[in-house]
Amino acid sequence: MAKKAVASFKKSDGRTYSKVIKMVKSPKTGAYTFMEEMVPNEAVQEFFA
């Protein structure tokens, strides 16, 4: 069986990381792109600021 990548982020105390997706507008073309990242739960608000 294949090992899931998300399993390495889990600890015994529960989920400590969240996958966040942010929509960013390109200054050149004006098109929107999606930026996704795994961040600690404490840093989710900082990611969107």
PDB file of N, CA and C in Angstrom:
ATOM      1  N   MET A   1       0.826  -1.188   0.000  1.00  0.00           N
ATOM      2  CA  MET A   1       0.000   0.000   0.000  1.00  0.00           C
ATOM      3  C   MET A   1       0.865   1.244   0.000  1.00  0.00           C
ATOM      4  N   ALA A   2       0.379   2.277  -0.617  1.00  0.00           N
ATOM      5  CA  ALA A   2       1.115   3.543  -0.660  1.00  0.00           C
ATOM      6  C   ALA A   2       0.928   4.297   0.650  1.00  0.00           C
ATOM      7  N   LYS A   3       1.973   4.950   1.070  1.00  0.00           N
ATOM      8  CA  LYS A   3       1.924   5.736   2.305  1.00  0.00           C
ATOM      9  C   LYS A   3       1.423   7.137   1.965  1.00  0.00           C
ATOM     10  N   LYS A   4       0.475   7.613   2.729  1.00  0.00           N
ATOM     11  CA  LYS A   4      -0.057   8.950   2.476  1.00  0.00           C
ATOM     12  C   LYS A   4       0.891  10.005   3.019  1.00  0.00           C
ATOM     13  N   ALA A   5       1.025  11.114   2.304  1.00  0.00           N
ATOM     14  CA  ALA A   5       1.904  12.202   2.739  1.00  0.00           C
ATOM     15  C   ALA A   5       1.353  12.890   3.976  1.00  0.00           C
ATOM     16  N   VAL A   6       0.030  12.932   4.115  1.00  0.00           N
ATOM     17  CA  VAL A   6      -0.603  13.620   5.238  1.00  0.00           C
ATOM     18  C   VAL A   6      -0.305  12.907   6.554  1.00  0.00           C
ATOM     19  N   ALA A   7      -0.071  11.602   6.500  1.00  0.00           N
ATOM     20  CA  ALA A   7       0.178  10.832   7.719  1.00  0.00           C
ATOM     21  C   ALA A   7       1.431  11.306   8.442  1.00  0.00           C
ATOM     22  N   SER A   8       2.391  11.854   7.722  1.00  0.00           N
ATOM     23  CA  SER A   8       3.613  12.317   8.369  1.00  0.00           C
ATOM     24  C   SER A   8       3.398  13.605   9.155  1.00  0.00           C
ATOM     25  N   PHE A   9       2.335  14.339   8.877  1.00  0.00           N
ATOM     26  CA  PHE A   9       2.052  15.579   9.591  1.00  0.00           C
ATOM     27  C   PHE A   9       1.244  15.350  10.864  1.00  0.00           C
ATOM     28  N   LYS A  10       0.689  14.165  11.016  1.00  0.00           N
ATOM     29  CA  LYS A  10      -0.140  13.888  12.189  1.00  0.00           C
ATOM     30  C   LYS A  10       0.711  13.499  13.382  1.00  0.00           C
ATOM     31  N   LYS A  11       0.230  13.852  14.550  1.00  0.00           N
ATOM     32  CA  LYS A  11       0.874  13.445  15.791  1.00  0.00           C
ATOM     33  C   LYS A  11      -0.189  12.808  16.661  1.00  0.00           C
ATOM     34  N   SER A  12       0.201  12.288  17.800  1.00  0.00           N
ATOM     35  CA  SER A  12      -0.747  11.599  18.657  1.00  0.00           C
ATOM     36  C   SER A  12      -1.774  12.549  19.276  1.00  0.00           C
ATOM     37  N   ASP A  13      -1.463  13.852  19.356  1.00  0.00           N
ATOM     38  CA  ASP A  13      -2.388  14.809  19.963  1.00  0.00           C
ATOM     39  C   ASP A  13      -3.391  15.380  18.965  1.00  0.00           C
ATOM     40  N   GLY A  14      -3.420  14.871  17.742  1.00  0.00           N
ATOM     41  CA  GLY A  14      -4.381  15.334  16.751  1.00  0.00           C
ATOM     42  C   GLY A  14      -3.690  16.070  15.616  1.00  0.00           C
ATOM     43  N   ARG A  15      -4.487  16.720  14.785  1.00  0.00           N
ATOM     44  CA  ARG A  15      -3.927  17.449  13.651  1.00  0.00           C
ATOM     45  C   ARG A  15      -3.287  18.746  14.128  1.00  0.00           C
ATOM     46  N   THR A  16      -2.057  18.976  13.731  1.00  0.00           N
ATOM     47  CA  THR A  16      -1.379  20.206  14.093  1.00  0.00           C
ATOM     48  C   THR A  16      -1.105  21.066  12.873  1.00  0.00           C
ATOM     49  N   TYR A  17      -1.357  20.528  11.669  1.00  0.00           N
ATOM     50  CA  TYR A  17      -1.163  21.266  10.428  1.00  0.00           C
ATOM     51  C   TYR A  17      -2.469  21.326   9.661  1.00  0.00           C
ATOM     52  N   SER A  18      -2.646  22.409   8.905  1.00  0.00           N
ATOM     53  CA  SER A  18      -3.817  22.558   8.049  1.00  0.00           C
ATOM     54  C   SER A  18      -3.364  22.911   6.644  1.00  0.00           C
ATOM     55  N   LYS A  19      -4.096  22.427   5.660  1.00  0.00           N
ATOM     56  CA  LYS A  19      -3.818  22.793   4.278  1.00  0.00           C
ATOM     57  C   LYS A  19      -4.661  24.019   3.963  1.00  0.00           C
ATOM     58  N   VAL A  20      -4.002  25.113   3.586  1.00  0.00           N
ATOM     59  CA  VAL A  20      -4.712  26.357   3.291  1.00  0.00           C
ATOM     60  C   VAL A  20      -4.528  26.695   1.815  1.00  0.00           C
ATOM     61  N   ILE A  21      -5.572  27.266   1.229  1.00  0.00           N
ATOM     62  CA  ILE A  21      -5.565  27.635  -0.185  1.00  0.00           C
ATOM     63  C   ILE A  21      -5.936  29.104  -0.282  1.00  0.00           C
ATOM     64  N   LYS A  22      -5.109  29.870  -0.975  1.00  0.00           N
ATOM     65  CA  LYS A  22      -5.304  31.315  -1.103  1.00  0.00           C
ATOM     66  C   LYS A  22      -5.355  31.667  -2.586  1.00  0.00           C
ATOM     67  N   MET A  23      -6.300  32.526  -2.982  1.00  0.00           N
ATOM     68  CA  MET A  23      -6.412  32.964  -4.361  1.00  0.00           C
ATOM     69  C   MET A  23      -5.608  34.250  -4.527  1.00  0.00           C
ATOM     70  N   VAL A  24      -4.658  34.259  -5.476  1.00  0.00           N
ATOM     71  CA  VAL A  24      -3.766  35.385  -5.685  1.00  0.00           C
ATOM     72  C   VAL A  24      -3.915  35.875  -7.117  1.00  0.00           C
ATOM     73  N   LYS A  25      -4.036  37.196  -7.276  1.00  0.00           N
ATOM     74  CA  LYS A  25      -4.171  37.778  -8.607  1.00  0.00           C
ATOM     75  C   LYS A  25      -2.799  38.140  -9.154  1.00  0.00           C
ATOM     76  N   SER A  26      -2.529  37.728 -10.392  1.00  0.00           N
ATOM     77  CA  SER A  26      -1.254  38.006 -11.038  1.00  0.00           C
ATOM     78  C   SER A  26      -1.209  39.468 -11.479  1.00  0.00           C
ATOM     79  N   PRO A  27      -0.137  40.198 -11.159  1.00  0.00           N
ATOM     80  CA  PRO A  27      -0.060  41.596 -11.571  1.00  0.00           C
ATOM     81  C   PRO A  27       0.140  41.767 -13.080  1.00  0.00           C
ATOM     82  N   LYS A  28       0.747  40.774 -13.740  1.00  0.00           N
ATOM     83  CA  LYS A  28       1.001  40.879 -15.180  1.00  0.00           C
ATOM     84  C   LYS A  28      -0.259  40.642 -16.004  1.00  0.00           C
ATOM     85  N   THR A  29      -0.909  39.507 -15.778  1.00  0.00           N
ATOM     86  CA  THR A  29      -2.021  39.114 -16.633  1.00  0.00           C
ATOM     87  C   THR A  29      -3.381  39.410 -16.038  1.00  0.00           C
ATOM     88  N   GLY A  30      -3.453  39.565 -14.723  1.00  0.00           N
ATOM     89  CA  GLY A  30      -4.732  39.784 -14.067  1.00  0.00           C
ATOM     90  C   GLY A  30      -5.478  38.493 -13.781  1.00  0.00           C
ATOM     91  N   ALA A  31      -4.886  37.354 -14.139  1.00  0.00           N
ATOM     92  CA  ALA A  31      -5.525  36.066 -13.901  1.00  0.00           C
ATOM     93  C   ALA A  31      -5.309  35.647 -12.443  1.00  0.00           C
ATOM     94  N   TYR A  32      -6.225  34.871 -11.934  1.00  0.00           N
ATOM     95  CA  TYR A  32      -6.120  34.383 -10.566  1.00  0.00           C
ATOM     96  C   TYR A  32      -5.464  33.005 -10.549  1.00  0.00           C
ATOM     97  N   THR A  33      -4.584  32.807  -9.576  1.00  0.00           N
ATOM     98  CA  THR A  33      -3.966  31.507  -9.360  1.00  0.00           C
ATOM     99  C   THR A  33      -4.206  31.109  -7.912  1.00  0.00           C
ATOM    100  N   PHE A  34      -4.104  29.837  -7.638  1.00  0.00           N
ATOM    101  CA  PHE A  34      -4.320  29.339  -6.290  1.00  0.00           C
ATOM    102  C   PHE A  34      -2.990  28.906  -5.697  1.00  0.00           C
ATOM    103  N   MET A  35      -2.700  29.411  -4.490  1.00  0.00           N
ATOM    104  CA  MET A  35      -1.486  29.063  -3.778  1.00  0.00           C
ATOM    105  C   MET A  35      -1.901  28.215  -2.582  1.00  0.00           C
ATOM    106  N   GLU A  36      -1.407  27.003  -2.515  1.00  0.00           N
ATOM    107  CA  GLU A  36      -1.763  26.133  -1.397  1.00  0.00           C
ATOM    108  C   GLU A  36      -0.518  25.717  -0.640  1.00  0.00           C
ATOM    109  N   GLU A  37      -0.686  25.556   0.671  1.00  0.00           N
ATOM    110  CA  GLU A  37       0.452  25.304   1.537  1.00  0.00           C
ATOM    111  C   GLU A  37      -0.012  24.587   2.796  1.00  0.00           C
ATOM    112  N   MET A  38       0.887  23.809   3.401  1.00  0.00           N
ATOM    113  CA  MET A  38       0.625  23.179   4.692  1.00  0.00           C
ATOM    114  C   MET A  38       1.247  24.074   5.763  1.00  0.00           C
ATOM    115  N   VAL A  39       0.426  24.594   6.663  1.00  0.00           N
ATOM    116  CA  VAL A  39       0.923  25.489   7.713  1.00  0.00           C
ATOM    117  C   VAL A  39       0.437  24.989   9.068  1.00  0.00           C
ATOM    118  N   PRO A  40       1.161  25.310  10.140  1.00  0.00           N
ATOM    119  CA  PRO A  40       0.685  24.954  11.483  1.00  0.00           C
ATOM    120  C   PRO A  40      -0.628  25.673  11.786  1.00  0.00           C
ATOM    121  N   ASN A  41      -1.449  25.070  12.629  1.00  0.00           N
ATOM    122  CA  ASN A  41      -2.751  25.668  12.953  1.00  0.00           C
ATOM    123  C   ASN A  41      -2.630  27.076  13.511  1.00  0.00           C
ATOM    124  N   GLU A  42      -1.535  27.357  14.239  1.00  0.00           N
ATOM    125  CA  GLU A  42      -1.364  28.679  14.829  1.00  0.00           C
ATOM    126  C   GLU A  42      -1.069  29.754  13.777  1.00  0.00           C
ATOM    127  N   ALA A  43      -0.543  29.369  12.625  1.00  0.00           N
ATOM    128  CA  ALA A  43      -0.112  30.325  11.602  1.00  0.00           C
ATOM    129  C   ALA A  43      -1.126  30.502  10.470  1.00  0.00           C
ATOM    130  N   VAL A  44      -2.327  29.967  10.610  1.00  0.00           N
ATOM    131  CA  VAL A  44      -3.308  30.060   9.533  1.00  0.00           C
ATOM    132  C   VAL A  44      -3.731  31.507   9.302  1.00  0.00           C
ATOM    133  N   GLN A  45      -3.986  32.259  10.339  1.00  0.00           N
ATOM    134  CA  GLN A  45      -4.400  33.651  10.179  1.00  0.00           C
ATOM    135  C   GLN A  45      -3.295  34.503   9.590  1.00  0.00           C
ATOM    136  N   GLU A  46      -2.045  34.222   9.937  1.00  0.00           N
ATOM    137  CA  GLU A  46      -0.903  34.961   9.389  1.00  0.00           C
ATOM    138  C   GLU A  46      -0.748  34.699   7.895  1.00  0.00           C
ATOM    139  N   PHE A  47      -1.098  33.490   7.445  1.00  0.00           N
ATOM    140  CA  PHE A  47      -0.994  33.140   6.032  1.00  0.00           C
ATOM    141  C   PHE A  47      -1.944  33.999   5.196  1.00  0.00           C
ATOM    142  N   PHE A  48      -3.120  34.273   5.698  1.00  0.00           N
ATOM    143  CA  PHE A  48      -4.104  35.033   4.945  1.00  0.00           C
ATOM    144  C   PHE A  48      -3.929  36.543   5.095  1.00  0.00           C
ATOM    145  N   ALA A  49      -3.104  36.992   6.016  1.00  0.00           N
ATOM    146  CA  ALA A  49      -2.903  38.439   6.223  1.00  0.00           C
ATOM    147  C   ALA A  49      -1.996  39.020   5.171  1.00  0.00           C
TER     148      ALA A  49
END
